[in-house]
Structures are given as C-alpha cells and as structure tokens.
Amino acid sequence: MVQTTSSDGIRTLTLDRPDQRNALTSAALRDLEAAIEAATESVLYLHGAGEAFCAGADLTEVKALDSESAETFAALGQRVAHALESYDGAVVAGIDGAARGGGVELALGCDIRVATPDATLAETGVKLGLFGAWGGTARLPEVVGTGDALDIALSGRTLDAKTALRMGLVSRITTEPRAVAEELAGVDGDALRVLKTRIRDDADKETQERREQQAFADLNAKTE
C-alpha cells in the first residue's frame, strides 16, 4: 500500500492503491506513519500512484466504524498528518489528479504542496454527512484563511489547480512536482531543517526572535 524508495537525499513515499484512487485504510495509515518515522533524508516526497493523489479515507472501512473505533481512526490519521508536519526536514506533496478529504488533509501536513495542471482538490465529507478529521479543521484555515476554509469545507466543492493556487492551498503548479523535491534536496540540509523549525514555531514573537538569533549563531559556527 505504501512504497518507499530513497535516492539523492529524497525519501519518496508512494501511496500505491491506484485501483481505489489510493484511499487509505487504517493499515495503510500505520504503514505510512512507520515509513515517515523510519526516514532520515532531508526531503520527503509524498505522492500517489496512478491517476489520483489520494481519495482520503477508505469509505468501506469508515462505514463499519462504531463511535469508539471512529475516534481511534481519526486519531491515527491525525498522527500521520502530524508526523508529516513535524518531520525533521522538508516535506513535499506532489498532487497529480484527485485529492479528496483525508488526501487534502495529509497534503496540509506537508510543507509545500505542488500540483500538476490536472490536480483537483476537495473536502467532500460534508456531502456524505461527515468531515475530514485528520487535522484539517485546524490546518485548513491556517493555510488559506478562515473565509476560504469555510468556503471549501462547507460547500464540498472541487477546486482546480489554478483556484487552489489562488487560495494558497497549493504553492506551485508544474508538470513535474518531484522537481521541487529535487530542488530542496540541493540546498544545505542543516539550514533547511532550521528554517522549517523557525517558521513553524508558534511561540510569542520575542521568544521566536531569541531562538532565531541562537539558530543563526549555531549555523554560522558550522561554517567557520
């Protein structure tokens, strides 16, 4: 379900269930979590096999969940998204084809979301009487702002790549998303990791600036 390869400083994680548009079962989520935790490269590249990025949660499994197991399933998806967000390096989502529900939420956990011209993104859960619960209600407004987050989540509408770019849901549109991962693999790995940590720091401004000073000094010491 999750295939991993490593080359040139990039660990590639491939969601490999193309006949189901890479929909994720709980077993697949655990495999993905383990693959992220095992990675040591400076760059992770997450993408889907076939014609979709990820259709989100496997609805066959979701429909069979009771209240307790549904909460456990949501917690597992949140752990995976957090593992992507907190990875010690840059994480790039290569979105080609459909990203739906949980697929969008995993992409939101990545540092950079790169779409192909054929990519489409939607939080379709509301149309099924559900919503994505893998951290999307927290991350979506952080990424696109509250107004657009409400539009995307409450309508369940499908966004093409250009609309997603305008909203800030994706960072770039290109025919070769992996090239962005290769670009990041070519920079200094220590500086990359420090910058990610500093930019994602949610402490108060004074604390952030103090940490920034120390991080700059530490990096500078390595170049002496």
C-alpha atoms as a PDB file:
ATOM      1  CA  MET A   1       0.000   0.000   0.000  1.00  0.00           C
ATOM      2  CA  VAL A   2       2.864   2.413   0.788  1.00  0.00           C
ATOM      3  CA  GLN A   3       6.010   2.008  -1.281  1.00  0.00           C
ATOM      4  CA  THR A   4       9.257   3.721  -0.263  1.00  0.00           C
ATOM      5  CA  THR A   5      12.430   4.488  -2.199  1.00  0.00           C
ATOM      6  CA  SER A   6      15.434   6.665  -1.462  1.00  0.00           C
ATOM      7  CA  SER A   7      17.832   8.470  -3.772  1.00  0.00           C
ATOM      8  CA  ASP A   8      19.802  11.711  -3.851  1.00  0.00           C
ATOM      9  CA  GLY A   9      18.677  12.824  -0.409  1.00  0.00           C
ATOM     10  CA  ILE A  10      14.961  12.263  -1.103  1.00  0.00           C
ATOM     11  CA  ARG A  11      12.776   9.625   0.521  1.00  0.00           C
ATOM     12  CA  THR A  12       9.818   9.008  -1.807  1.00  0.00           C
ATOM     13  CA  LEU A  13       6.601   7.728  -0.243  1.00  0.00           C
ATOM     14  CA  THR A  14       4.161   6.378  -2.816  1.00  0.00           C
ATOM     15  CA  LEU A  15       0.533   5.679  -1.922  1.00  0.00           C
ATOM     16  CA  ASP A  16       0.118   2.574  -4.040  1.00  0.00           C
ATOM     17  CA  ARG A  17      -3.503   1.560  -4.384  1.00  0.00           C
ATOM     18  CA  PRO A  18      -4.376   3.057  -7.742  1.00  0.00           C
ATOM     19  CA  ASP A  19      -7.489   0.935  -8.333  1.00  0.00           C
ATOM     20  CA  GLN A  20      -9.049   2.635  -5.268  1.00  0.00           C
ATOM     21  CA  ARG A  21      -7.565   6.063  -6.014  1.00  0.00           C
ATOM     22  CA  ASN A  22      -5.130   5.437  -3.145  1.00  0.00           C
ATOM     23  CA  ALA A  23      -7.838   5.539  -0.477  1.00  0.00           C
ATOM     24  CA  LEU A  24      -6.307   4.843   2.926  1.00  0.00           C
ATOM     25  CA  THR A  25      -7.293   2.104   5.337  1.00  0.00           C
ATOM     26  CA  SER A  26      -6.132   2.097   8.947  1.00  0.00           C
ATOM     27  CA  ALA A  27      -3.464  -0.454   7.981  1.00  0.00           C
ATOM     28  CA  ALA A  28      -2.201   1.843   5.231  1.00  0.00           C
ATOM     29  CA  LEU A  29      -2.112   4.788   7.634  1.00  0.00           C
ATOM     30  CA  ARG A  30       0.005   2.757  10.043  1.00  0.00           C
ATOM     31  CA  ASP A  31       2.344   1.814   7.189  1.00  0.00           C
ATOM     32  CA  LEU A  32       2.642   5.452   6.182  1.00  0.00           C
ATOM     33  CA  GLU A  33       3.332   6.526   9.759  1.00  0.00           C
ATOM     34  CA  ALA A  34       6.059   3.901  10.073  1.00  0.00           C
ATOM     35  CA  ALA A  35       7.616   4.960   6.756  1.00  0.00           C
ATOM     36  CA  ILE A  36       7.761   8.598   7.860  1.00  0.00           C
ATOM     37  CA  GLU A  37       9.282   7.678  11.222  1.00  0.00           C
ATOM     38  CA  ALA A  38      11.928   5.495   9.530  1.00  0.00           C
ATOM     39  CA  ALA A  39      13.037   8.195   7.079  1.00  0.00           C
ATOM     40  CA  THR A  40      16.267  10.116   7.648  1.00  0.00           C
ATOM     41  CA  GLU A  41      16.627  12.040   4.391  1.00  0.00           C
ATOM     42  CA  SER A  42      16.490  15.829   4.296  1.00  0.00           C
ATOM     43  CA  VAL A  43      13.467  15.738   1.968  1.00  0.00           C
ATOM     44  CA  LEU A  44      10.306  13.620   1.906  1.00  0.00           C
ATOM     45  CA  TYR A  45       8.239  13.427  -1.279  1.00  0.00           C
ATOM     46  CA  LEU A  46       4.667  12.149  -0.925  1.00  0.00           C
ATOM     47  CA  HIS A  47       2.618  11.255  -3.980  1.00  0.00           C
ATOM     48  CA  GLY A  48       0.082   8.771  -5.280  1.00  0.00           C
ATOM     49  CA  ALA A  49       0.335   6.008  -7.854  1.00  0.00           C
ATOM     50  CA  GLY A  50      -1.897   6.111 -10.907  1.00  0.00           C
ATOM     51  CA  GLU A  51      -4.360   8.882 -11.686  1.00  0.00           C
ATOM     52  CA  ALA A  52      -5.015  10.210  -8.172  1.00  0.00           C
ATOM     53  CA  PHE A  53      -3.055  11.633  -5.275  1.00  0.00           C
ATOM     54  CA  CYS A  54      -5.313  10.237  -2.544  1.00  0.00           C
ATOM     55  CA  ALA A  55      -9.085   9.847  -2.251  1.00  0.00           C
ATOM     56  CA  GLY A  56      -8.855  10.102   1.533  1.00  0.00           C
ATOM     57  CA  ALA A  57     -10.159   7.509   3.951  1.00  0.00           C
ATOM     58  CA  ASP A  58     -11.391   4.169   2.668  1.00  0.00           C
ATOM     59  CA  LEU A  59     -15.159   4.609   2.961  1.00  0.00           C
ATOM     60  CA  THR A  60     -15.800   0.874   3.213  1.00  0.00           C
ATOM     61  CA  GLU A  61     -13.841   0.832   6.460  1.00  0.00           C
ATOM     62  CA  VAL A  62     -15.308   4.134   7.661  1.00  0.00           C
ATOM     63  CA  LYS A  63     -18.886   2.909   7.256  1.00  0.00           C
ATOM     64  CA  ALA A  64     -18.139  -0.072   9.512  1.00  0.00           C
ATOM     65  CA  LEU A  65     -16.766   2.005  12.394  1.00  0.00           C
ATOM     66  CA  ASP A  66     -18.606   2.412  15.663  1.00  0.00           C
ATOM     67  CA  SER A  67     -18.179   5.518  17.815  1.00  0.00           C
ATOM     68  CA  GLU A  68     -15.075   4.280  19.632  1.00  0.00           C
ATOM     69  CA  SER A  69     -13.310   2.921  16.560  1.00  0.00           C
ATOM     70  CA  ALA A  70     -14.179   6.080  14.594  1.00  0.00           C
ATOM     71  CA  GLU A  71     -12.361   8.171  17.186  1.00  0.00           C
ATOM     72  CA  THR A  72      -9.372   5.819  17.012  1.00  0.00           C
ATOM     73  CA  PHE A  73      -9.359   6.036  13.202  1.00  0.00           C
ATOM     74  CA  ALA A  74      -9.439   9.847  13.323  1.00  0.00           C
ATOM     75  CA  ALA A  75      -6.599   9.902  15.854  1.00  0.00           C
ATOM     76  CA  LEU A  76      -4.494   7.672  13.598  1.00  0.00           C
ATOM     77  CA  GLY A  77      -4.985   9.989  10.623  1.00  0.00           C
ATOM     78  CA  GLN A  78      -4.100  12.974  12.797  1.00  0.00           C
ATOM     79  CA  ARG A  79      -0.885  11.256  13.911  1.00  0.00           C
ATOM     80  CA  VAL A  80       0.163  10.711  10.312  1.00  0.00           C
ATOM     81  CA  ALA A  81      -0.540  14.320   9.334  1.00  0.00           C
ATOM     82  CA  HIS A  82       1.404  15.483  12.408  1.00  0.00           C
ATOM     83  CA  ALA A  83       4.298  13.165  11.512  1.00  0.00           C
ATOM     84  CA  LEU A  84       4.495  14.856   8.109  1.00  0.00           C
ATOM     85  CA  GLU A  85       4.278  18.324   9.641  1.00  0.00           C
ATOM     86  CA  SER A  86       6.916  17.660  12.298  1.00  0.00           C
ATOM     87  CA  TYR A  87       9.337  15.677  10.103  1.00  0.00           C
ATOM     88  CA  ASP A  88      12.938  16.792  10.570  1.00  0.00           C
ATOM     89  CA  GLY A  89      13.317  18.010   7.013  1.00  0.00           C
ATOM     90  CA  ALA A  90      11.227  19.370   4.170  1.00  0.00           C
ATOM     91  CA  VAL A  91       8.089  17.518   3.074  1.00  0.00           C
ATOM     92  CA  VAL A  92       6.688  17.982  -0.431  1.00  0.00           C
ATOM     93  CA  ALA A  93       3.283  16.729  -1.576  1.00  0.00           C
ATOM     94  CA  GLY A  94       3.133  16.043  -5.312  1.00  0.00           C
ATOM     95  CA  ILE A  95      -0.575  16.305  -6.137  1.00  0.00           C
ATOM     96  CA  ASP A  96      -1.483  14.844  -9.516  1.00  0.00           C
ATOM     97  CA  GLY A  97      -5.148  14.063 -10.144  1.00  0.00           C
ATOM     98  CA  ALA A  98      -7.682  13.950  -7.330  1.00  0.00           C
ATOM     99  CA  ALA A  99      -7.009  14.815  -3.689  1.00  0.00           C
ATOM    100  CA  ARG A 100     -10.122  14.358  -1.592  1.00  0.00           C
ATOM    101  CA  GLY A 101     -10.912  14.589   2.125  1.00  0.00           C
ATOM    102  CA  GLY A 102      -8.120  12.918   4.031  1.00  0.00           C
ATOM    103  CA  GLY A 103      -5.876  13.252   0.995  1.00  0.00           C
ATOM    104  CA  VAL A 104      -6.169  17.028   1.238  1.00  0.00           C
ATOM    105  CA  GLU A 105      -5.552  16.810   4.983  1.00  0.00           C
ATOM    106  CA  LEU A 106      -2.353  14.814   4.561  1.00  0.00           C
ATOM    107  CA  ALA A 107      -1.211  17.357   1.988  1.00  0.00           C
ATOM    108  CA  LEU A 108      -1.927  20.124   4.510  1.00  0.00           C
ATOM    109  CA  GLY A 109       0.569  18.458   6.850  1.00  0.00           C
ATOM    110  CA  CYS A 110       3.277  18.851   4.200  1.00  0.00           C
ATOM    111  CA  ASP A 111       5.483  21.929   3.968  1.00  0.00           C
ATOM    112  CA  ILE A 112       4.989  22.511   0.249  1.00  0.00           C
ATOM    113  CA  ARG A 113       2.056  21.362  -1.874  1.00  0.00           C
ATOM    114  CA  VAL A 114       2.821  21.145  -5.574  1.00  0.00           C
ATOM    115  CA  ALA A 115       0.001  20.487  -8.034  1.00  0.00           C
ATOM    116  CA  THR A 116       0.018  19.431 -11.636  1.00  0.00           C
ATOM    117  CA  PRO A 117      -2.343  21.228 -14.047  1.00  0.00           C
ATOM    118  CA  ASP A 118      -4.656  18.184 -13.792  1.00  0.00           C
ATOM    119  CA  ALA A 119      -4.885  18.239  -9.986  1.00  0.00           C
ATOM    120  CA  THR A 120      -8.217  18.774  -8.244  1.00  0.00           C
ATOM    121  CA  LEU A 121      -8.786  19.184  -4.512  1.00  0.00           C
ATOM    122  CA  ALA A 122     -11.939  18.946  -2.402  1.00  0.00           C
ATOM    123  CA  GLU A 123     -13.112  18.417   1.162  1.00  0.00           C
ATOM    124  CA  THR A 124     -16.134  16.348   0.141  1.00  0.00           C
ATOM    125  CA  GLY A 125     -17.002  14.941   3.569  1.00  0.00           C
ATOM    126  CA  VAL A 126     -19.888  17.341   4.138  1.00  0.00           C
ATOM    127  CA  LYS A 127     -21.722  15.797   1.188  1.00  0.00           C
ATOM    128  CA  LEU A 128     -21.566  12.420   2.949  1.00  0.00           C
ATOM    129  CA  GLY A 129     -22.682  13.756   6.311  1.00  0.00           C
ATOM    130  CA  LEU A 130     -19.091  13.650   7.573  1.00  0.00           C
ATOM    131  CA  PHE A 131     -15.956  15.756   7.517  1.00  0.00           C
ATOM    132  CA  GLY A 132     -12.270  15.040   7.321  1.00  0.00           C
ATOM    133  CA  ALA A 133     -10.921  14.583  10.836  1.00  0.00           C
ATOM    134  CA  TRP A 134      -7.192  14.228  10.213  1.00  0.00           C
ATOM    135  CA  GLY A 135      -6.405  17.731  11.449  1.00  0.00           C
ATOM    136  CA  GLY A 136      -7.965  19.529   8.513  1.00  0.00           C
ATOM    137  CA  THR A 137     -10.266  21.783  10.516  1.00  0.00           C
ATOM    138  CA  ALA A 138      -7.166  23.169  12.264  1.00  0.00           C
ATOM    139  CA  ARG A 139      -4.724  23.339   9.335  1.00  0.00           C
ATOM    140  CA  LEU A 140      -7.025  24.469   6.510  1.00  0.00           C
ATOM    141  CA  PRO A 141      -7.759  27.935   7.994  1.00  0.00           C
ATOM    142  CA  GLU A 142      -4.085  28.315   8.879  1.00  0.00           C
ATOM    143  CA  VAL A 143      -3.169  27.745   5.225  1.00  0.00           C
ATOM    144  CA  VAL A 144      -5.926  29.554   3.308  1.00  0.00           C
ATOM    145  CA  GLY A 145      -7.587  31.765   5.942  1.00  0.00           C
ATOM    146  CA  THR A 146     -10.886  31.283   7.712  1.00  0.00           C
ATOM    147  CA  GLY A 147     -13.078  32.613   4.899  1.00  0.00           C
ATOM    148  CA  ASP A 148     -11.738  30.325   2.181  1.00  0.00           C
ATOM    149  CA  ALA A 149     -11.554  27.413   4.639  1.00  0.00           C
ATOM    150  CA  LEU A 150     -15.260  27.766   5.350  1.00  0.00           C
ATOM    151  CA  ASP A 151     -15.999  28.001   1.632  1.00  0.00           C
ATOM    152  CA  ILE A 152     -14.008  24.850   0.855  1.00  0.00           C
ATOM    153  CA  ALA A 153     -15.283  22.784   3.792  1.00  0.00           C
ATOM    154  CA  LEU A 154     -18.934  23.829   3.878  1.00  0.00           C
ATOM    155  CA  SER A 155     -19.549  23.631   0.133  1.00  0.00           C
ATOM    156  CA  GLY A 156     -17.514  20.489  -0.550  1.00  0.00           C
ATOM    157  CA  ARG A 157     -16.806  21.989  -3.958  1.00  0.00           C
ATOM    158  CA  THR A 158     -13.979  20.802  -6.167  1.00  0.00           C
ATOM    159  CA  LEU A 159     -11.110  23.199  -6.799  1.00  0.00           C
ATOM    160  CA  ASP A 160      -8.993  23.044  -9.919  1.00  0.00           C
ATOM    161  CA  ALA A 161      -5.256  23.662  -9.616  1.00  0.00           C
ATOM    162  CA  LYS A 162      -5.452  27.362 -10.527  1.00  0.00           C
ATOM    163  CA  THR A 163      -8.152  28.058  -7.936  1.00  0.00           C
ATOM    164  CA  ALA A 164      -6.207  26.139  -5.287  1.00  0.00           C
ATOM    165  CA  LEU A 165      -3.117  28.190  -6.133  1.00  0.00           C
ATOM    166  CA  ARG A 166      -5.044  31.462  -5.879  1.00  0.00           C
ATOM    167  CA  MET A 167      -6.339  30.448  -2.430  1.00  0.00           C
ATOM    168  CA  GLY A 168      -2.895  29.349  -1.264  1.00  0.00           C
ATOM    169  CA  LEU A 169      -3.933  25.722  -0.884  1.00  0.00           C
ATOM    170  CA  VAL A 170      -1.101  24.744  -3.214  1.00  0.00           C
ATOM    171  CA  SER A 171       2.239  26.524  -3.578  1.00  0.00           C
ATOM    172  CA  ARG A 172       3.040  25.866  -7.218  1.00  0.00           C
ATOM    173  CA  ILE A 173       1.672  24.316 -10.390  1.00  0.00           C
ATOM    174  CA  THR A 174       4.063  22.301 -12.517  1.00  0.00           C
ATOM    175  CA  THR A 175       4.043  19.228 -14.717  1.00  0.00           C
ATOM    176  CA  GLU A 176       6.888  17.748 -12.641  1.00  0.00           C
ATOM    177  CA  PRO A 177       6.170  18.071  -8.896  1.00  0.00           C
ATOM    178  CA  ARG A 178       9.129  15.891  -7.947  1.00  0.00           C
ATOM    179  CA  ALA A 179      11.442  18.554  -9.377  1.00  0.00           C
ATOM    180  CA  VAL A 180      10.548  20.721  -6.372  1.00  0.00           C
ATOM    181  CA  ALA A 181      11.717  17.963  -4.014  1.00  0.00           C
ATOM    182  CA  GLU A 182      14.932  17.715  -6.027  1.00  0.00           C
ATOM    183  CA  GLU A 183      15.353  21.487  -5.751  1.00  0.00           C
ATOM    184  CA  LEU A 184      15.102  21.308  -1.956  1.00  0.00           C
ATOM    185  CA  ALA A 185      17.474  18.341  -1.787  1.00  0.00           C
ATOM    186  CA  GLY A 186      20.099  20.552  -3.399  1.00  0.00           C
ATOM    187  CA  VAL A 187      20.229  23.112  -0.567  1.00  0.00           C
ATOM    188  CA  ASP A 188      22.076  22.829   2.743  1.00  0.00           C
ATOM    189  CA  GLY A 189      20.245  20.251   4.852  1.00  0.00           C
ATOM    190  CA  ASP A 190      21.056  21.843   8.220  1.00  0.00           C
ATOM    191  CA  ALA A 191      19.814  25.267   7.122  1.00  0.00           C
ATOM    192  CA  LEU A 192      16.690  23.703   5.635  1.00  0.00           C
ATOM    193  CA  ARG A 193      15.828  21.953   8.903  1.00  0.00           C
ATOM    194  CA  VAL A 194      16.463  25.073  10.985  1.00  0.00           C
ATOM    195  CA  LEU A 195      14.334  27.252   8.723  1.00  0.00           C
ATOM    196  CA  LYS A 196      11.428  24.818   8.872  1.00  0.00           C
ATOM    197  CA  THR A 197      11.596  24.744  12.669  1.00  0.00           C
ATOM    198  CA  ARG A 198      11.805  28.517  12.941  1.00  0.00           C
ATOM    199  CA  ILE A 199       8.951  29.222  10.520  1.00  0.00           C
ATOM    200  CA  ARG A 200       6.694  26.662  12.196  1.00  0.00           C
ATOM    201  CA  ASP A 201       7.491  27.992  15.686  1.00  0.00           C
ATOM    202  CA  ASP A 202       4.271  29.219  17.306  1.00  0.00           C
ATOM    203  CA  ALA A 203       5.843  30.821  20.364  1.00  0.00           C
ATOM    204  CA  ASP A 204       5.434  34.545  21.064  1.00  0.00           C
ATOM    205  CA  LYS A 205       7.411  36.912  18.839  1.00  0.00           C
ATOM    206  CA  GLU A 206      10.052  37.740  21.434  1.00  0.00           C
ATOM    207  CA  THR A 207      10.770  34.044  22.023  1.00  0.00           C
ATOM    208  CA  GLN A 208      10.872  33.354  18.295  1.00  0.00           C
ATOM    209  CA  GLU A 209      13.379  36.148  17.730  1.00  0.00           C
ATOM    210  CA  ARG A 210      15.609  34.908  20.550  1.00  0.00           C
ATOM    211  CA  ARG A 211      15.517  31.373  19.115  1.00  0.00           C
ATOM    212  CA  GLU A 212      16.210  32.778  15.661  1.00  0.00           C
ATOM    213  CA  GLN A 213      19.341  34.524  16.937  1.00  0.00           C
ATOM    214  CA  GLN A 214      20.634  31.321  18.529  1.00  0.00           C
ATOM    215  CA  ALA A 215      19.842  29.210  15.464  1.00  0.00           C
ATOM    216  CA  PHE A 216      21.687  31.684  13.239  1.00  0.00           C
ATOM    217  CA  ALA A 217      24.701  31.596  15.544  1.00  0.00           C
ATOM    218  CA  ASP A 218      24.699  27.795  15.619  1.00  0.00           C
ATOM    219  CA  LEU A 219      24.591  27.555  11.826  1.00  0.00           C
ATOM    220  CA  ASN A 220      27.260  30.198  11.456  1.00  0.00           C
ATOM    221  CA  ALA A 221      29.549  28.260  13.808  1.00  0.00           C
ATOM    222  CA  LYS A 222      29.319  25.254  11.482  1.00  0.00           C
ATOM    223  CA  THR A 223      30.588  27.301   8.534  1.00  0.00           C
ATOM    224  CA  GLU A 224      33.630  28.693  10.315  1.00  0.00           C
END
